[in-house]
Amino acid sequence: MYVTLEPCTMCAGAIINSRIKKVYIGTNDPKTGACGSILNLFKDYKFNHKVEYETGIMQKECEKILKDFFKYLRSKK
């Protein structure tokens, strides 16, 4: 699975329960990230399924996509 932003706790839990083998993460989420930023559900806990993950995949591009998206939303108000 490829994601632009590091999954939150609920999304990381859904990934674990879905038995997804590997997640490629574009950029970290320092506020709610659950794959290394705040906590790491993929590594620090003993769940019955382990998810491999790789961070920093096209980080600059992912950050730009997210920033542009939220800038667009703010401009629509």
PDB file of N, CA and C in Angstrom:
ATOM      1  N   MET A   1       0.844  -1.160   0.000  1.00  0.00           N
ATOM      2  CA  MET A   1       0.000   0.000   0.000  1.00  0.00           C
ATOM      3  C   MET A   1       0.897   1.234   0.000  1.00  0.00           C
ATOM      4  N   TYR A   2       0.527   2.224  -0.809  1.00  0.00           N
ATOM      5  CA  TYR A   2       1.240   3.490  -0.864  1.00  0.00           C
ATOM      6  C   TYR A   2       0.351   4.578  -0.270  1.00  0.00           C
ATOM      7  N   VAL A   3       0.895   5.393   0.652  1.00  0.00           N
ATOM      8  CA  VAL A   3       0.142   6.494   1.248  1.00  0.00           C
ATOM      9  C   VAL A   3       0.996   7.757   1.233  1.00  0.00           C
ATOM     10  N   THR A   4       0.347   8.900   1.052  1.00  0.00           N
ATOM     11  CA  THR A   4       1.097  10.156   1.054  1.00  0.00           C
ATOM     12  C   THR A   4       1.484  10.561   2.469  1.00  0.00           C
ATOM     13  N   LEU A   5       0.593  10.291   3.442  1.00  0.00           N
ATOM     14  CA  LEU A   5       0.806  10.711   4.820  1.00  0.00           C
ATOM     15  C   LEU A   5       0.802   9.508   5.756  1.00  0.00           C
ATOM     16  N   GLU A   6       1.678   9.534   6.724  1.00  0.00           N
ATOM     17  CA  GLU A   6       1.781   8.463   7.722  1.00  0.00           C
ATOM     18  C   GLU A   6       0.420   8.184   8.354  1.00  0.00           C
ATOM     19  N   PRO A   7       0.013   6.924   8.421  1.00  0.00           N
ATOM     20  CA  PRO A   7      -1.288   6.583   8.992  1.00  0.00           C
ATOM     21  C   PRO A   7      -1.413   6.947  10.473  1.00  0.00           C
ATOM     22  N   CYS A   8      -2.635   7.290  10.862  1.00  0.00           N
ATOM     23  CA  CYS A   8      -2.950   7.536  12.264  1.00  0.00           C
ATOM     24  C   CYS A   8      -3.132   6.183  12.961  1.00  0.00           C
ATOM     25  N   THR A   9      -3.441   6.211  14.243  1.00  0.00           N
ATOM     26  CA  THR A   9      -3.610   4.975  15.011  1.00  0.00           C
ATOM     27  C   THR A   9      -4.718   4.096  14.440  1.00  0.00           C
ATOM     28  N   MET A  10      -5.855   4.680  14.111  1.00  0.00           N
ATOM     29  CA  MET A  10      -6.974   3.903  13.600  1.00  0.00           C
ATOM     30  C   MET A  10      -6.639   3.298  12.234  1.00  0.00           C
ATOM     31  N   CYS A  11      -6.019   4.075  11.363  1.00  0.00           N
ATOM     32  CA  CYS A  11      -5.656   3.573  10.034  1.00  0.00           C
ATOM     33  C   CYS A  11      -4.575   2.499  10.129  1.00  0.00           C
ATOM     34  N   ALA A  12      -3.586   2.705  10.999  1.00  0.00           N
ATOM     35  CA  ALA A  12      -2.537   1.690  11.181  1.00  0.00           C
ATOM     36  C   ALA A  12      -3.144   0.392  11.699  1.00  0.00           C
ATOM     37  N   GLY A  13      -4.119   0.498  12.617  1.00  0.00           N
ATOM     38  CA  GLY A  13      -4.803  -0.688  13.116  1.00  0.00           C
ATOM     39  C   GLY A  13      -5.562  -1.404  12.016  1.00  0.00           C
ATOM     40  N   ALA A  14      -6.216  -0.651  11.142  1.00  0.00           N
ATOM     41  CA  ALA A  14      -6.940  -1.248  10.018  1.00  0.00           C
ATOM     42  C   ALA A  14      -5.971  -1.944   9.057  1.00  0.00           C
ATOM     43  N   ILE A  15      -4.799  -1.356   8.854  1.00  0.00           N
ATOM     44  CA  ILE A  15      -3.785  -1.964   7.990  1.00  0.00           C
ATOM     45  C   ILE A  15      -3.317  -3.292   8.591  1.00  0.00           C
ATOM     46  N   ILE A  16      -3.082  -3.307   9.890  1.00  0.00           N
ATOM     47  CA  ILE A  16      -2.662  -4.533  10.574  1.00  0.00           C
ATOM     48  C   ILE A  16      -3.747  -5.600  10.458  1.00  0.00           C
ATOM     49  N   ASN A  17      -4.995  -5.229  10.757  1.00  0.00           N
ATOM     50  CA  ASN A  17      -6.096  -6.186  10.709  1.00  0.00           C
ATOM     51  C   ASN A  17      -6.394  -6.674   9.296  1.00  0.00           C
ATOM     52  N   SER A  18      -6.052  -5.877   8.294  1.00  0.00           N
ATOM     53  CA  SER A  18      -6.255  -6.268   6.898  1.00  0.00           C
ATOM     54  C   SER A  18      -5.136  -7.159   6.375  1.00  0.00           C
ATOM     55  N   ARG A  19      -4.112  -7.354   7.191  1.00  0.00           N
ATOM     56  CA  ARG A  19      -2.972  -8.207   6.834  1.00  0.00           C
ATOM     57  C   ARG A  19      -2.203  -7.690   5.607  1.00  0.00           C
ATOM     58  N   ILE A  20      -2.137  -6.371   5.472  1.00  0.00           N
ATOM     59  CA  ILE A  20      -1.351  -5.783   4.386  1.00  0.00           C
ATOM     60  C   ILE A  20       0.112  -6.020   4.694  1.00  0.00           C
ATOM     61  N   LYS A  21       0.856  -6.494   3.690  1.00  0.00           N
ATOM     62  CA  LYS A  21       2.238  -6.912   3.914  1.00  0.00           C
ATOM     63  C   LYS A  21       3.192  -5.728   4.101  1.00  0.00           C
ATOM     64  N   LYS A  22       3.080  -4.711   3.234  1.00  0.00           N
ATOM     65  CA  LYS A  22       4.032  -3.605   3.300  1.00  0.00           C
ATOM     66  C   LYS A  22       3.341  -2.291   2.968  1.00  0.00           C
ATOM     67  N   VAL A  23       3.756  -1.223   3.680  1.00  0.00           N
ATOM     68  CA  VAL A  23       3.230   0.118   3.454  1.00  0.00           C
ATOM     69  C   VAL A  23       4.393   1.042   3.116  1.00  0.00           C
ATOM     70  N   TYR A  24       4.221   1.812   2.050  1.00  0.00           N
ATOM     71  CA  TYR A  24       5.195   2.817   1.641  1.00  0.00           C
ATOM     72  C   TYR A  24       4.609   4.177   2.017  1.00  0.00           C
ATOM     73  N   ILE A  25       5.299   4.884   2.905  1.00  0.00           N
ATOM     74  CA  ILE A  25       4.792   6.142   3.461  1.00  0.00           C
ATOM     75  C   ILE A  25       5.560   7.313   2.871  1.00  0.00           C
ATOM     76  N   GLY A  26       4.811   8.277   2.307  1.00  0.00           N
ATOM     77  CA  GLY A  26       5.445   9.430   1.696  1.00  0.00           C
ATOM     78  C   GLY A  26       6.080  10.359   2.716  1.00  0.00           C
ATOM     79  N   THR A  27       5.284  10.876   3.624  1.00  0.00           N
ATOM     80  CA  THR A  27       5.812  11.823   4.609  1.00  0.00           C
ATOM     81  C   THR A  27       5.244  11.524   5.998  1.00  0.00           C
ATOM     82  N   ASN A  28       5.979  11.887   7.017  1.00  0.00           N
ATOM     83  CA  ASN A  28       5.575  11.635   8.400  1.00  0.00           C
ATOM     84  C   ASN A  28       4.499  12.619   8.846  1.00  0.00           C
ATOM     85  N   ASP A  29       3.755  12.227   9.880  1.00  0.00           N
ATOM     86  CA  ASP A  29       2.746  13.090  10.475  1.00  0.00           C
ATOM     87  C   ASP A  29       3.120  13.315  11.937  1.00  0.00           C
ATOM     88  N   PRO A  30       3.775  14.439  12.233  1.00  0.00           N
ATOM     89  CA  PRO A  30       4.267  14.679  13.595  1.00  0.00           C
ATOM     90  C   PRO A  30       3.165  14.886  14.641  1.00  0.00           C
ATOM     91  N   LYS A  31       1.911  15.053  14.217  1.00  0.00           N
ATOM     92  CA  LYS A  31       0.813  15.258  15.166  1.00  0.00           C
ATOM     93  C   LYS A  31       0.112  13.962  15.546  1.00  0.00           C
ATOM     94  N   THR A  32      -0.152  13.089  14.561  1.00  0.00           N
ATOM     95  CA  THR A  32      -0.944  11.884  14.849  1.00  0.00           C
ATOM     96  C   THR A  32      -0.364  10.613  14.250  1.00  0.00           C
ATOM     97  N   GLY A  33       0.842  10.666  13.735  1.00  0.00           N
ATOM     98  CA  GLY A  33       1.433   9.501  13.068  1.00  0.00           C
ATOM     99  C   GLY A  33       1.643   8.314  13.997  1.00  0.00           C
ATOM    100  N   ALA A  34       1.208   7.142  13.547  1.00  0.00           N
ATOM    101  CA  ALA A  34       1.307   5.934  14.374  1.00  0.00           C
ATOM    102  C   ALA A  34       2.240   4.890  13.772  1.00  0.00           C
ATOM    103  N   CYS A  35       3.167   5.346  12.938  1.00  0.00           N
ATOM    104  CA  CYS A  35       4.141   4.441  12.316  1.00  0.00           C
ATOM    105  C   CYS A  35       5.554   4.977  12.517  1.00  0.00           C
ATOM    106  N   GLY A  36       5.764   5.654  13.643  1.00  0.00           N
ATOM    107  CA  GLY A  36       7.093   6.149  13.960  1.00  0.00           C
ATOM    108  C   GLY A  36       7.146   7.567  14.491  1.00  0.00           C
ATOM    109  N   SER A  37       6.182   8.419  14.137  1.00  0.00           N
ATOM    110  CA  SER A  37       6.240   9.810  14.592  1.00  0.00           C
ATOM    111  C   SER A  37       5.848   9.964  16.059  1.00  0.00           C
ATOM    112  N   ILE A  38       4.661   9.516  16.425  1.00  0.00           N
ATOM    113  CA  ILE A  38       4.180   9.605  17.806  1.00  0.00           C
ATOM    114  C   ILE A  38       4.368   8.259  18.502  1.00  0.00           C
ATOM    115  N   LEU A  39       3.930   7.223  17.854  1.00  0.00           N
ATOM    116  CA  LEU A  39       4.135   5.848  18.311  1.00  0.00           C
ATOM    117  C   LEU A  39       4.276   4.981  17.077  1.00  0.00           C
ATOM    118  N   ASN A  40       4.598   3.729  17.266  1.00  0.00           N
ATOM    119  CA  ASN A  40       4.795   2.860  16.111  1.00  0.00           C
ATOM    120  C   ASN A  40       4.059   1.533  16.318  1.00  0.00           C
ATOM    121  N   LEU A  41       2.844   1.473  15.808  1.00  0.00           N
ATOM    122  CA  LEU A  41       2.050   0.247  15.931  1.00  0.00           C
ATOM    123  C   LEU A  41       2.626  -0.893  15.097  1.00  0.00           C
ATOM    124  N   PHE A  42       3.354  -0.564  14.049  1.00  0.00           N
ATOM    125  CA  PHE A  42       3.918  -1.597  13.182  1.00  0.00           C
ATOM    126  C   PHE A  42       5.127  -2.287  13.806  1.00  0.00           C
ATOM    127  N   LYS A  43       5.755  -1.653  14.787  1.00  0.00           N
ATOM    128  CA  LYS A  43       7.005  -2.180  15.317  1.00  0.00           C
ATOM    129  C   LYS A  43       6.983  -2.468  16.821  1.00  0.00           C
ATOM    130  N   ASP A  44       6.404  -1.591  17.611  1.00  0.00           N
ATOM    131  CA  ASP A  44       6.551  -1.639  19.062  1.00  0.00           C
ATOM    132  C   ASP A  44       5.546  -2.512  19.806  1.00  0.00           C
ATOM    133  N   TYR A  45       4.620  -3.091  19.115  1.00  0.00           N
ATOM    134  CA  TYR A  45       3.577  -3.879  19.769  1.00  0.00           C
ATOM    135  C   TYR A  45       3.565  -5.302  19.216  1.00  0.00           C
ATOM    136  N   LYS A  46       3.066  -6.222  20.004  1.00  0.00           N
ATOM    137  CA  LYS A  46       3.074  -7.635  19.611  1.00  0.00           C
ATOM    138  C   LYS A  46       1.719  -8.061  19.056  1.00  0.00           C
ATOM    139  N   PHE A  47       1.409  -7.568  17.876  1.00  0.00           N
ATOM    140  CA  PHE A  47       0.194  -7.992  17.202  1.00  0.00           C
ATOM    141  C   PHE A  47       0.460  -9.307  16.486  1.00  0.00           C
ATOM    142  N   ASN A  48      -0.604  -9.981  16.068  1.00  0.00           N
ATOM    143  CA  ASN A  48      -0.436 -11.264  15.390  1.00  0.00           C
ATOM    144  C   ASN A  48      -0.044 -11.117  13.920  1.00  0.00           C
ATOM    145  N   HIS A  49       0.097  -9.882  13.439  1.00  0.00           N
ATOM    146  CA  HIS A  49       0.558  -9.635  12.063  1.00  0.00           C
ATOM    147  C   HIS A  49       1.545  -8.481  12.090  1.00  0.00           C
ATOM    148  N   LYS A  50       2.665  -8.639  11.435  1.00  0.00           N
ATOM    149  CA  LYS A  50       3.676  -7.577  11.332  1.00  0.00           C
ATOM    150  C   LYS A  50       3.610  -6.952   9.946  1.00  0.00           C
ATOM    151  N   VAL A  51       3.609  -5.637   9.917  1.00  0.00           N
ATOM    152  CA  VAL A  51       3.579  -4.891   8.663  1.00  0.00           C
ATOM    153  C   VAL A  51       4.965  -4.316   8.420  1.00  0.00           C
ATOM    154  N   GLU A  52       5.500  -4.590   7.256  1.00  0.00           N
ATOM    155  CA  GLU A  52       6.755  -3.952   6.850  1.00  0.00           C
ATOM    156  C   GLU A  52       6.399  -2.542   6.388  1.00  0.00           C
ATOM    157  N   TYR A  53       7.313  -1.601   6.589  1.00  0.00           N
ATOM    158  CA  TYR A  53       7.031  -0.242   6.136  1.00  0.00           C
ATOM    159  C   TYR A  53       8.317   0.465   5.758  1.00  0.00           C
ATOM    160  N   GLU A  54       8.157   1.438   4.879  1.00  0.00           N
ATOM    161  CA  GLU A  54       9.279   2.246   4.408  1.00  0.00           C
ATOM    162  C   GLU A  54       8.794   3.691   4.357  1.00  0.00           C
ATOM    163  N   THR A  55       9.554   4.604   4.927  1.00  0.00           N
ATOM    164  CA  THR A  55       9.136   6.006   4.971  1.00  0.00           C
ATOM    165  C   THR A  55       9.981   6.880   4.058  1.00  0.00           C
ATOM    166  N   GLY A  56       9.485   8.068   3.785  1.00  0.00           N
ATOM    167  CA  GLY A  56      10.224   9.033   2.986  1.00  0.00           C
ATOM    168  C   GLY A  56      10.155   8.790   1.492  1.00  0.00           C
ATOM    169  N   ILE A  57       9.170   8.024   1.030  1.00  0.00           N
ATOM    170  CA  ILE A  57       9.015   7.746  -0.400  1.00  0.00           C
ATOM    171  C   ILE A  57       8.451   8.997  -1.076  1.00  0.00           C
ATOM    172  N   MET A  58       9.244   9.629  -1.925  1.00  0.00           N
ATOM    173  CA  MET A  58       8.845  10.856  -2.617  1.00  0.00           C
ATOM    174  C   MET A  58       8.324  11.900  -1.619  1.00  0.00           C
ATOM    175  N   GLN A  59       9.059  12.089  -0.542  1.00  0.00           N
ATOM    176  CA  GLN A  59       8.631  12.942   0.555  1.00  0.00           C
ATOM    177  C   GLN A  59       8.284  14.368   0.120  1.00  0.00           C
ATOM    178  N   LYS A  60       9.136  15.016  -0.624  1.00  0.00           N
ATOM    179  CA  LYS A  60       8.887  16.407  -1.053  1.00  0.00           C
ATOM    180  C   LYS A  60       7.605  16.508  -1.875  1.00  0.00           C
ATOM    181  N   GLU A  61       7.415  15.556  -2.788  1.00  0.00           N
ATOM    182  CA  GLU A  61       6.233  15.562  -3.642  1.00  0.00           C
ATOM    183  C   GLU A  61       4.961  15.347  -2.816  1.00  0.00           C
ATOM    184  N   CYS A  62       5.019  14.432  -1.858  1.00  0.00           N
ATOM    185  CA  CYS A  62       3.862  14.159  -1.008  1.00  0.00           C
ATOM    186  C   CYS A  62       3.523  15.360  -0.136  1.00  0.00           C
ATOM    187  N   GLU A  63       4.532  16.012   0.420  1.00  0.00           N
ATOM    188  CA  GLU A  63       4.303  17.212   1.217  1.00  0.00           C
ATOM    189  C   GLU A  63       3.625  18.293   0.379  1.00  0.00           C
ATOM    190  N   LYS A  64       4.074  18.450  -0.857  1.00  0.00           N
ATOM    191  CA  LYS A  64       3.487  19.463  -1.750  1.00  0.00           C
ATOM    192  C   LYS A  64       2.035  19.139  -2.066  1.00  0.00           C
ATOM    193  N   ILE A  65       1.732  17.886  -2.341  1.00  0.00           N
ATOM    194  CA  ILE A  65       0.351  17.483  -2.617  1.00  0.00           C
ATOM    195  C   ILE A  65      -0.546  17.841  -1.440  1.00  0.00           C
ATOM    196  N   LEU A  66      -0.117  17.499  -0.240  1.00  0.00           N
ATOM    197  CA  LEU A  66      -0.917  17.771   0.954  1.00  0.00           C
ATOM    198  C   LEU A  66      -1.058  19.270   1.212  1.00  0.00           C
ATOM    199  N   LYS A  67       0.029  20.016   1.110  1.00  0.00           N
ATOM    200  CA  LYS A  67      -0.024  21.462   1.338  1.00  0.00           C
ATOM    201  C   LYS A  67      -0.925  22.143   0.320  1.00  0.00           C
ATOM    202  N   ASP A  68      -0.797  21.762  -0.955  1.00  0.00           N
ATOM    203  CA  ASP A  68      -1.631  22.357  -2.002  1.00  0.00           C
ATOM    204  C   ASP A  68      -3.106  22.035  -1.785  1.00  0.00           C
ATOM    205  N   PHE A  69      -3.411  20.815  -1.367  1.00  0.00           N
ATOM    206  CA  PHE A  69      -4.789  20.406  -1.128  1.00  0.00           C
ATOM    207  C   PHE A  69      -5.424  21.246  -0.018  1.00  0.00           C
ATOM    208  N   PHE A  70      -4.750  21.388   1.103  1.00  0.00           N
ATOM    209  CA  PHE A  70      -5.318  22.151   2.211  1.00  0.00           C
ATOM    210  C   PHE A  70      -5.326  23.655   1.931  1.00  0.00           C
ATOM    211  N   LYS A  71      -4.386  24.126   1.159  1.00  0.00           N
ATOM    212  CA  LYS A  71      -4.414  25.527   0.739  1.00  0.00           C
ATOM    213  C   LYS A  71      -5.639  25.781  -0.136  1.00  0.00           C
ATOM    214  N   TYR A  72      -5.931  24.846  -1.024  1.00  0.00           N
ATOM    215  CA  TYR A  72      -7.117  24.945  -1.872  1.00  0.00           C
ATOM    216  C   TYR A  72      -8.389  24.954  -1.020  1.00  0.00           C
ATOM    217  N   LEU A  73      -8.482  24.068  -0.036  1.00  0.00           N
ATOM    218  CA  LEU A  73      -9.666  24.033   0.832  1.00  0.00           C
ATOM    219  C   LEU A  73      -9.868  25.340   1.581  1.00  0.00           C
ATOM    220  N   ARG A  74      -8.777  25.913   2.084  1.00  0.00           N
ATOM    221  CA  ARG A  74      -8.867  27.182   2.813  1.00  0.00           C
ATOM    222  C   ARG A  74      -9.326  28.317   1.875  1.00  0.00           C
ATOM    223  N   SER A  75      -8.929  28.280   0.620  1.00  0.00           N
ATOM    224  CA  SER A  75      -9.285  29.338  -0.324  1.00  0.00           C
ATOM    225  C   SER A  75     -10.770  29.288  -0.699  1.00  0.00           C
ATOM    226  N   LYS A  76     -11.434  28.163  -0.495  1.00  0.00           N
ATOM    227  CA  LYS A  76     -12.836  27.982  -0.858  1.00  0.00           C
ATOM    228  C   LYS A  76     -13.796  28.534   0.206  1.00  0.00           C
ATOM    229  N   LYS A  77     -13.287  28.925   1.364  1.00  0.00           N
ATOM    230  CA  LYS A  77     -14.170  29.413   2.450  1.00  0.00           C
ATOM    231  C   LYS A  77     -14.631  30.823   2.196  1.00  0.00           C
TER     232      LYS A  77
END
